[in-house]
Amino acid sequence: GEPVVLKVIMIEPDPNNAAYGRRVAAAKGEPF
């Protein structure tokens, strides 16, 4: 019964992240 929430895909800004510079989608079960 909760509203469906979609993460807006943006470029990963953290240089320490392996996906830095790439567009990252929400991981399965990712909380917000």
Full PDB file with SEQRES, HELIX, SHEET, SSBOND, CRYST1, ORIGX, SCALE, CONECT and MASTER records, all heavy atoms in Angstrom:
SEQRES   1 A   32  GLY GLU PRO VAL VAL LEU LYS VAL ILE MET ILE GLU PRO          
SEQRES   2 A   32  ASP PRO ASN ASN ALA ALA TYR GLY ARG ARG VAL ALA ALA          
SEQRES   3 A   32  ALA LYS GLY GLU PRO PHE                                      
CRYST1    1.000    1.000    1.000  90.00  90.00  90.00 P 1           1          
ORIGX1      1.000000  0.000000  0.000000        0.00000                         
ORIGX2      0.000000  1.000000  0.000000        0.00000                         
ORIGX3      0.000000  0.000000  1.000000        0.00000                         
SCALE1      1.000000  0.000000  0.000000        0.00000                         
SCALE2      0.000000  1.000000  0.000000        0.00000                         
SCALE3      0.000000  0.000000  1.000000        0.00000                         
ATOM      1  N   GLY A   1       0.790  -1.225   0.000  1.00  0.00           N  
ATOM      2  CA  GLY A   1       0.000   0.000   0.000  1.00  0.00           C  
ATOM      3  C   GLY A   1       0.819   1.271   0.000  1.00  0.00           C  
ATOM      4  O   GLY A   1       0.262   2.364   0.161  1.00  0.00           O  
ATOM      5  N   GLU A   2       2.141   1.133  -0.152  1.00  0.00           N  
ATOM      6  CA  GLU A   2       3.010   2.306  -0.178  1.00  0.00           C  
ATOM      7  C   GLU A   2       3.188   2.811  -1.605  1.00  0.00           C  
ATOM      8  O   GLU A   2       3.143   2.023  -2.557  1.00  0.00           O  
ATOM      9  CB  GLU A   2       4.382   1.965   0.414  1.00  0.00           C  
ATOM     10  CG  GLU A   2       4.335   1.555   1.884  1.00  0.00           C  
ATOM     11  CD  GLU A   2       3.892   2.693   2.778  1.00  0.00           C  
ATOM     12  OE1 GLU A   2       4.176   3.861   2.440  1.00  0.00           O  
ATOM     13  OE2 GLU A   2       3.262   2.419   3.812  1.00  0.00           O  
ATOM     14  N   PRO A   3       3.396   4.131  -1.790  1.00  0.00           N  
ATOM     15  CA  PRO A   3       3.610   4.663  -3.148  1.00  0.00           C  
ATOM     16  C   PRO A   3       4.863   4.054  -3.780  1.00  0.00           C  
ATOM     17  O   PRO A   3       5.868   3.810  -3.100  1.00  0.00           O  
ATOM     18  CB  PRO A   3       3.777   6.172  -2.915  1.00  0.00           C  
ATOM     19  CG  PRO A   3       3.158   6.428  -1.586  1.00  0.00           C  
ATOM     20  CD  PRO A   3       3.372   5.189  -0.768  1.00  0.00           C  
ATOM     21  N   VAL A   4       4.802   3.806  -5.074  1.00  0.00           N  
ATOM     22  CA  VAL A   4       5.950   3.297  -5.823  1.00  0.00           C  
ATOM     23  C   VAL A   4       6.926   4.446  -6.056  1.00  0.00           C  
ATOM     24  O   VAL A   4       6.547   5.490  -6.595  1.00  0.00           O  
ATOM     25  CB  VAL A   4       5.503   2.686  -7.164  1.00  0.00           C  
ATOM     26  CG1 VAL A   4       6.713   2.320  -8.016  1.00  0.00           C  
ATOM     27  CG2 VAL A   4       4.651   1.446  -6.920  1.00  0.00           C  
ATOM     28  N   VAL A   5       8.182   4.273  -5.638  1.00  0.00           N  
ATOM     29  CA  VAL A   5       9.208   5.307  -5.762  1.00  0.00           C  
ATOM     30  C   VAL A   5      10.317   4.799  -6.671  1.00  0.00           C  
ATOM     31  O   VAL A   5      10.875   3.713  -6.433  1.00  0.00           O  
ATOM     32  CB  VAL A   5       9.787   5.700  -4.387  1.00  0.00           C  
ATOM     33  CG1 VAL A   5      10.847   6.782  -4.544  1.00  0.00           C  
ATOM     34  CG2 VAL A   5       8.672   6.176  -3.463  1.00  0.00           C  
ATOM     35  N   LEU A   6      10.654   5.576  -7.697  1.00  0.00           N  
ATOM     36  CA  LEU A   6      11.716   5.229  -8.637  1.00  0.00           C  
ATOM     37  C   LEU A   6      12.904   6.162  -8.432  1.00  0.00           C  
ATOM     38  O   LEU A   6      12.730   7.376  -8.319  1.00  0.00           O  
ATOM     39  CB  LEU A   6      11.226   5.342 -10.087  1.00  0.00           C  
ATOM     40  CG  LEU A   6      10.009   4.494 -10.470  1.00  0.00           C  
ATOM     41  CD1 LEU A   6       9.615   4.781 -11.912  1.00  0.00           C  
ATOM     42  CD2 LEU A   6      10.291   3.016 -10.283  1.00  0.00           C  
ATOM     43  N   LYS A   7      14.091   5.602  -8.387  1.00  0.00           N  
ATOM     44  CA  LYS A   7      15.309   6.402  -8.257  1.00  0.00           C  
ATOM     45  C   LYS A   7      15.682   6.993  -9.600  1.00  0.00           C  
ATOM     46  O   LYS A   7      15.716   6.290 -10.611  1.00  0.00           O  
ATOM     47  CB  LYS A   7      16.459   5.532  -7.739  1.00  0.00           C  
ATOM     48  CG  LYS A   7      17.783   6.279  -7.605  1.00  0.00           C  
ATOM     49  CD  LYS A   7      18.889   5.347  -7.121  1.00  0.00           C  
ATOM     50  CE  LYS A   7      20.214   6.087  -6.994  1.00  0.00           C  
ATOM     51  NZ  LYS A   7      21.306   5.203  -6.525  1.00  0.00           N  
ATOM     52  N   VAL A   8      15.944   8.283  -9.642  1.00  0.00           N  
ATOM     53  CA  VAL A   8      16.377   8.933 -10.876  1.00  0.00           C  
ATOM     54  C   VAL A   8      17.849   8.595 -11.112  1.00  0.00           C  
ATOM     55  O   VAL A   8      18.703   8.850 -10.254  1.00  0.00           O  
ATOM     56  CB  VAL A   8      16.180  10.459 -10.811  1.00  0.00           C  
ATOM     57  CG1 VAL A   8      16.719  11.119 -12.066  1.00  0.00           C  
ATOM     58  CG2 VAL A   8      14.697  10.787 -10.636  1.00  0.00           C  
ATOM     59  N   ILE A   9      18.143   8.011 -12.262  1.00  0.00           N  
ATOM     60  CA  ILE A   9      19.500   7.578 -12.570  1.00  0.00           C  
ATOM     61  C   ILE A   9      20.374   8.793 -12.859  1.00  0.00           C  
ATOM     62  O   ILE A   9      20.076   9.590 -13.747  1.00  0.00           O  
ATOM     63  CB  ILE A   9      19.499   6.623 -13.774  1.00  0.00           C  
ATOM     64  CG1 ILE A   9      18.680   5.372 -13.453  1.00  0.00           C  
ATOM     65  CG2 ILE A   9      20.917   6.242 -14.173  1.00  0.00           C  
ATOM     66  CD1 ILE A   9      18.520   4.429 -14.613  1.00  0.00           C  
ATOM     67  N   MET A  10      21.457   8.913 -12.091  1.00  0.00           N  
ATOM     68  CA  MET A  10      22.408  10.000 -12.264  1.00  0.00           C  
ATOM     69  C   MET A  10      23.815   9.431 -12.317  1.00  0.00           C  
ATOM     70  O   MET A  10      24.043   8.258 -12.018  1.00  0.00           O  
ATOM     71  CB  MET A  10      22.294  10.999 -11.113  1.00  0.00           C  
ATOM     72  CG  MET A  10      20.926  11.656 -10.993  1.00  0.00           C  
ATOM     73  SD  MET A  10      20.545  12.738 -12.384  1.00  0.00           S  
ATOM     74  CE  MET A  10      21.676  14.082 -12.069  1.00  0.00           C  
ATOM     75  N   ILE A  11      24.780  10.261 -12.693  1.00  0.00           N  
ATOM     76  CA  ILE A  11      26.177   9.839 -12.746  1.00  0.00           C  
ATOM     77  C   ILE A  11      26.745   9.773 -11.335  1.00  0.00           C  
ATOM     78  O   ILE A  11      26.554  10.696 -10.536  1.00  0.00           O  
ATOM     79  CB  ILE A  11      26.997  10.800 -13.626  1.00  0.00           C  
ATOM     80  CG1 ILE A  11      26.512  10.727 -15.084  1.00  0.00           C  
ATOM     81  CG2 ILE A  11      28.485  10.491 -13.557  1.00  0.00           C  
ATOM     82  CD1 ILE A  11      27.212  11.692 -16.010  1.00  0.00           C  
ATOM     83  N   GLU A  12      27.437   8.685 -11.007  1.00  0.00           N  
ATOM     84  CA  GLU A  12      28.020   8.492  -9.688  1.00  0.00           C  
ATOM     85  C   GLU A  12      29.104   9.545  -9.441  1.00  0.00           C  
ATOM     86  O   GLU A  12      30.093   9.628 -10.176  1.00  0.00           O  
ATOM     87  CB  GLU A  12      28.629   7.093  -9.586  1.00  0.00           C  
ATOM     88  CG  GLU A  12      29.404   6.839  -8.312  1.00  0.00           C  
ATOM     89  CD  GLU A  12      28.567   7.044  -7.059  1.00  0.00           C  
ATOM     90  OE1 GLU A  12      27.454   6.500  -6.995  1.00  0.00           O  
ATOM     91  OE2 GLU A  12      29.036   7.768  -6.150  1.00  0.00           O  
ATOM     92  N   PRO A  13      28.941  10.400  -8.393  1.00  0.00           N  
ATOM     93  CA  PRO A  13      29.894  11.487  -8.165  1.00  0.00           C  
ATOM     94  C   PRO A  13      31.077  11.124  -7.269  1.00  0.00           C  
ATOM     95  O   PRO A  13      32.052  11.869  -7.196  1.00  0.00           O  
ATOM     96  CB  PRO A  13      29.034  12.558  -7.493  1.00  0.00           C  
ATOM     97  CG  PRO A  13      28.017  11.763  -6.721  1.00  0.00           C  
ATOM     98  CD  PRO A  13      27.771  10.509  -7.502  1.00  0.00           C  
ATOM     99  N   ASP A  14      31.011   9.973  -6.573  1.00  0.00           N  
ATOM    100  CA  ASP A  14      32.042   9.617  -5.604  1.00  0.00           C  
ATOM    101  C   ASP A  14      33.230   8.952  -6.312  1.00  0.00           C  
ATOM    102  O   ASP A  14      33.089   7.857  -6.866  1.00  0.00           O  
ATOM    103  CB  ASP A  14      31.460   8.666  -4.560  1.00  0.00           C  
ATOM    104  CG  ASP A  14      32.458   8.345  -3.456  1.00  0.00           C  
ATOM    105  OD1 ASP A  14      33.576   8.916  -3.467  1.00  0.00           O  
ATOM    106  OD2 ASP A  14      32.107   7.525  -2.583  1.00  0.00           O  
ATOM    107  N   PRO A  15      34.420   9.574  -6.296  1.00  0.00           N  
ATOM    108  CA  PRO A  15      35.579   8.978  -6.972  1.00  0.00           C  
ATOM    109  C   PRO A  15      36.063   7.694  -6.318  1.00  0.00           C  
ATOM    110  O   PRO A  15      36.805   6.929  -6.939  1.00  0.00           O  
ATOM    111  CB  PRO A  15      36.642  10.076  -6.880  1.00  0.00           C  
ATOM    112  CG  PRO A  15      36.232  10.920  -5.737  1.00  0.00           C  
ATOM    113  CD  PRO A  15      34.746  10.868  -5.690  1.00  0.00           C  
ATOM    114  N   ASN A  16      35.655   7.438  -5.083  1.00  0.00           N  
ATOM    115  CA  ASN A  16      36.043   6.211  -4.400  1.00  0.00           C  
ATOM    116  C   ASN A  16      35.134   5.035  -4.744  1.00  0.00           C  
ATOM    117  O   ASN A  16      35.417   3.903  -4.357  1.00  0.00           O  
ATOM    118  CB  ASN A  16      36.037   6.425  -2.879  1.00  0.00           C  
ATOM    119  CG  ASN A  16      37.039   7.480  -2.442  1.00  0.00           C  
ATOM    120  OD1 ASN A  16      38.159   7.525  -2.936  1.00  0.00           O  
ATOM    121  ND2 ASN A  16      36.625   8.342  -1.515  1.00  0.00           N  
ATOM    122  N   ASN A  17      34.055   5.328  -5.458  1.00  0.00           N  
ATOM    123  CA  ASN A  17      33.116   4.276  -5.855  1.00  0.00           C  
ATOM    124  C   ASN A  17      33.585   3.646  -7.167  1.00  0.00           C  
ATOM    125  O   ASN A  17      34.069   4.332  -8.057  1.00  0.00           O  
ATOM    126  CB  ASN A  17      31.715   4.863  -6.013  1.00  0.00           C  
ATOM    127  CG  ASN A  17      30.646   3.797  -6.138  1.00  0.00           C  
ATOM    128  OD1 ASN A  17      30.718   2.905  -6.967  1.00  0.00           O  
ATOM    129  ND2 ASN A  17      29.630   3.906  -5.301  1.00  0.00           N  
ATOM    130  N   ALA A  18      33.447   2.324  -7.281  1.00  0.00           N  
ATOM    131  CA  ALA A  18      33.885   1.624  -8.493  1.00  0.00           C  
ATOM    132  C   ALA A  18      33.115   2.075  -9.726  1.00  0.00           C  
ATOM    133  O   ALA A  18      33.601   1.947 -10.852  1.00  0.00           O  
ATOM    134  CB  ALA A  18      33.734   0.116  -8.304  1.00  0.00           C  
ATOM    135  N   ALA A  19      31.901   2.617  -9.525  1.00  0.00           N  
ATOM    136  CA  ALA A  19      31.071   3.063 -10.647  1.00  0.00           C  
ATOM    137  C   ALA A  19      31.228   4.557 -10.927  1.00  0.00           C  
ATOM    138  O   ALA A  19      30.392   5.149 -11.605  1.00  0.00           O  
ATOM    139  CB  ALA A  19      29.605   2.747 -10.362  1.00  0.00           C  
ATOM    140  N   TYR A  20      32.293   5.160 -10.405  1.00  0.00           N  
ATOM    141  CA  TYR A  20      32.507   6.604 -10.574  1.00  0.00           C  
ATOM    142  C   TYR A  20      32.466   6.999 -12.058  1.00  0.00           C  
ATOM    143  O   TYR A  20      33.108   6.382 -12.902  1.00  0.00           O  
ATOM    144  CB  TYR A  20      33.861   6.992  -9.993  1.00  0.00           C  
ATOM    145  CG  TYR A  20      34.251   8.434 -10.221  1.00  0.00           C  
ATOM    146  CD1 TYR A  20      33.548   9.464  -9.620  1.00  0.00           C  
ATOM    147  CD2 TYR A  20      35.320   8.750 -11.063  1.00  0.00           C  
ATOM    148  CE1 TYR A  20      33.890  10.790  -9.832  1.00  0.00           C  
ATOM    149  CE2 TYR A  20      35.675  10.074 -11.282  1.00  0.00           C  
ATOM    150  CZ  TYR A  20      34.968  11.089 -10.660  1.00  0.00           C  
ATOM    151  OH  TYR A  20      35.316  12.399 -10.878  1.00  0.00           O  
ATOM    152  N   GLY A  21      31.672   8.051 -12.357  1.00  0.00           N  
ATOM    153  CA  GLY A  21      31.573   8.548 -13.716  1.00  0.00           C  
ATOM    154  C   GLY A  21      30.551   7.837 -14.572  1.00  0.00           C  
ATOM    155  O   GLY A  21      30.354   8.204 -15.725  1.00  0.00           O  
ATOM    156  N   ARG A  22      29.892   6.818 -14.017  1.00  0.00           N  
ATOM    157  CA  ARG A  22      28.891   6.068 -14.773  1.00  0.00           C  
ATOM    158  C   ARG A  22      27.496   6.323 -14.205  1.00  0.00           C  
ATOM    159  O   ARG A  22      27.343   6.726 -13.052  1.00  0.00           O  
ATOM    160  CB  ARG A  22      29.197   4.566 -14.726  1.00  0.00           C  
ATOM    161  CG  ARG A  22      30.534   4.189 -15.337  1.00  0.00           C  
ATOM    162  CD  ARG A  22      30.725   2.690 -15.320  1.00  0.00           C  
ATOM    163  NE  ARG A  22      31.988   2.310 -15.929  1.00  0.00           N  
ATOM    164  CZ  ARG A  22      32.395   1.052 -16.075  1.00  0.00           C  
ATOM    165  NH1 ARG A  22      31.627   0.069 -15.635  1.00  0.00           N  
ATOM    166  NH2 ARG A  22      33.552   0.789 -16.639  1.00  0.00           N  
ATOM    167  N   ARG A  23      26.518   6.069 -15.018  1.00  0.00           N  
ATOM    168  CA  ARG A  23      25.136   6.205 -14.558  1.00  0.00           C  
ATOM    169  C   ARG A  23      24.755   4.962 -13.752  1.00  0.00           C  
ATOM    170  O   ARG A  23      24.891   3.843 -14.241  1.00  0.00           O  
ATOM    171  CB  ARG A  23      24.193   6.393 -15.747  1.00  0.00           C  
ATOM    172  CG  ARG A  23      24.467   7.686 -16.503  1.00  0.00           C  
ATOM    173  CD  ARG A  23      23.408   7.965 -17.556  1.00  0.00           C  
ATOM    174  NE  ARG A  23      23.707   9.194 -18.284  1.00  0.00           N  
ATOM    175  CZ  ARG A  23      23.378  10.407 -17.883  1.00  0.00           C  
ATOM    176  NH1 ARG A  23      22.721  10.555 -16.741  1.00  0.00           N  
ATOM    177  NH2 ARG A  23      23.682  11.464 -18.593  1.00  0.00           N  
ATOM    178  N   VAL A  24      24.273   5.194 -12.536  1.00  0.00           N  
ATOM    179  CA  VAL A  24      24.030   4.095 -11.609  1.00  0.00           C  
ATOM    180  C   VAL A  24      22.538   4.006 -11.292  1.00  0.00           C  
ATOM    181  O   VAL A  24      21.920   5.005 -10.910  1.00  0.00           O  
ATOM    182  CB  VAL A  24      24.835   4.295 -10.311  1.00  0.00           C  
ATOM    183  CG1 VAL A  24      24.588   3.136  -9.361  1.00  0.00           C  
ATOM    184  CG2 VAL A  24      26.320   4.431 -10.622  1.00  0.00           C  
ATOM    185  N   ALA A  25      21.991   2.801 -11.451  1.00  0.00           N  
ATOM    186  CA  ALA A  25      20.599   2.550 -11.093  1.00  0.00           C  
ATOM    187  C   ALA A  25      20.514   2.100  -9.637  1.00  0.00           C  
ATOM    188  O   ALA A  25      21.527   1.844  -8.990  1.00  0.00           O  
ATOM    189  CB  ALA A  25      20.012   1.487 -12.017  1.00  0.00           C  
ATOM    190  N   ALA A  26      19.306   1.999  -9.136  1.00  0.00           N  
ATOM    191  CA  ALA A  26      19.106   1.565  -7.754  1.00  0.00           C  
ATOM    192  C   ALA A  26      19.428   0.083  -7.627  1.00  0.00           C  
ATOM    193  O   ALA A  26      19.029  -0.726  -8.471  1.00  0.00           O  
ATOM    194  CB  ALA A  26      17.666   1.834  -7.326  1.00  0.00           C  
ATOM    195  N   ALA A  27      20.145  -0.269  -6.578  1.00  0.00           N  
ATOM    196  CA  ALA A  27      20.414  -1.678  -6.306  1.00  0.00           C  
ATOM    197  C   ALA A  27      19.150  -2.341  -5.777  1.00  0.00           C  
ATOM    198  O   ALA A  27      18.228  -1.677  -5.285  1.00  0.00           O  
ATOM    199  CB  ALA A  27      21.544  -1.803  -5.293  1.00  0.00           C  
ATOM    200  N   LYS A  28      19.085  -3.656  -5.903  1.00  0.00           N  
ATOM    201  CA  LYS A  28      17.905  -4.372  -5.430  1.00  0.00           C  
ATOM    202  C   LYS A  28      17.750  -4.182  -3.926  1.00  0.00           C  
ATOM    203  O   LYS A  28      18.667  -4.449  -3.148  1.00  0.00           O  
ATOM    204  CB  LYS A  28      18.031  -5.853  -5.771  1.00  0.00           C  
ATOM    205  CG  LYS A  28      16.785  -6.658  -5.427  1.00  0.00           C  
ATOM    206  CD  LYS A  28      16.903  -8.102  -5.869  1.00  0.00           C  
ATOM    207  CE  LYS A  28      15.631  -8.872  -5.556  1.00  0.00           C  
ATOM    208  NZ  LYS A  28      15.732 -10.297  -5.976  1.00  0.00           N  
ATOM    209  N   GLY A  29      16.573  -3.699  -3.519  1.00  0.00           N  
ATOM    210  CA  GLY A  29      16.322  -3.465  -2.103  1.00  0.00           C  
ATOM    211  C   GLY A  29      16.994  -2.236  -1.542  1.00  0.00           C  
ATOM    212  O   GLY A  29      17.078  -2.090  -0.315  1.00  0.00           O  
ATOM    213  N   GLU A  30      17.470  -1.332  -2.401  1.00  0.00           N  
ATOM    214  CA  GLU A  30      18.167  -0.136  -1.919  1.00  0.00           C  
ATOM    215  C   GLU A  30      17.187   0.783  -1.180  1.00  0.00           C  
ATOM    216  O   GLU A  30      16.156   1.168  -1.720  1.00  0.00           O  
ATOM    217  CB  GLU A  30      18.802   0.611  -3.083  1.00  0.00           C  
ATOM    218  CG  GLU A  30      19.539   1.881  -2.658  1.00  0.00           C  
ATOM    219  CD  GLU A  30      20.186   2.591  -3.834  1.00  0.00           C  
ATOM    220  OE1 GLU A  30      20.416   1.968  -4.887  1.00  0.00           O  
ATOM    221  OE2 GLU A  30      20.461   3.813  -3.695  1.00  0.00           O  
ATOM    222  N   PRO A  31      17.513   1.141   0.070  1.00  0.00           N  
ATOM    223  CA  PRO A  31      16.610   2.003   0.832  1.00  0.00           C  
ATOM    224  C   PRO A  31      16.828   3.482   0.490  1.00  0.00           C  
ATOM    225  O   PRO A  31      17.850   3.855  -0.073  1.00  0.00           O  
ATOM    226  CB  PRO A  31      17.002   1.721   2.277  1.00  0.00           C  
ATOM    227  CG  PRO A  31      18.467   1.398   2.187  1.00  0.00           C  
ATOM    228  CD  PRO A  31      18.668   0.691   0.870  1.00  0.00           C  
ATOM    229  N   PHE A  32      15.848   4.291   0.841  1.00  0.00           N  
ATOM    230  CA  PHE A  32      15.986   5.739   0.675  1.00  0.00           C  
ATOM    231  C   PHE A  32      15.429   6.431   1.905  1.00  0.00           C  
ATOM    232  O   PHE A  32      14.556   5.903   2.604  1.00  0.00           O  
ATOM    233  CB  PHE A  32      15.259   6.229  -0.586  1.00  0.00           C  
ATOM    234  CG  PHE A  32      13.771   6.023  -0.579  1.00  0.00           C  
ATOM    235  CD1 PHE A  32      12.918   6.911   0.064  1.00  0.00           C  
ATOM    236  CD2 PHE A  32      13.217   4.935  -1.236  1.00  0.00           C  
ATOM    237  CE1 PHE A  32      11.544   6.721   0.069  1.00  0.00           C  
ATOM    238  CE2 PHE A  32      11.836   4.731  -1.237  1.00  0.00           C  
ATOM    239  CZ  PHE A  32      11.009   5.615  -0.587  1.00  0.00           C  
TER     240      PHE A  32                                                      
MASTER        0    0    0    0    0    0    0    6  239    1    0    3          
END                                                                             
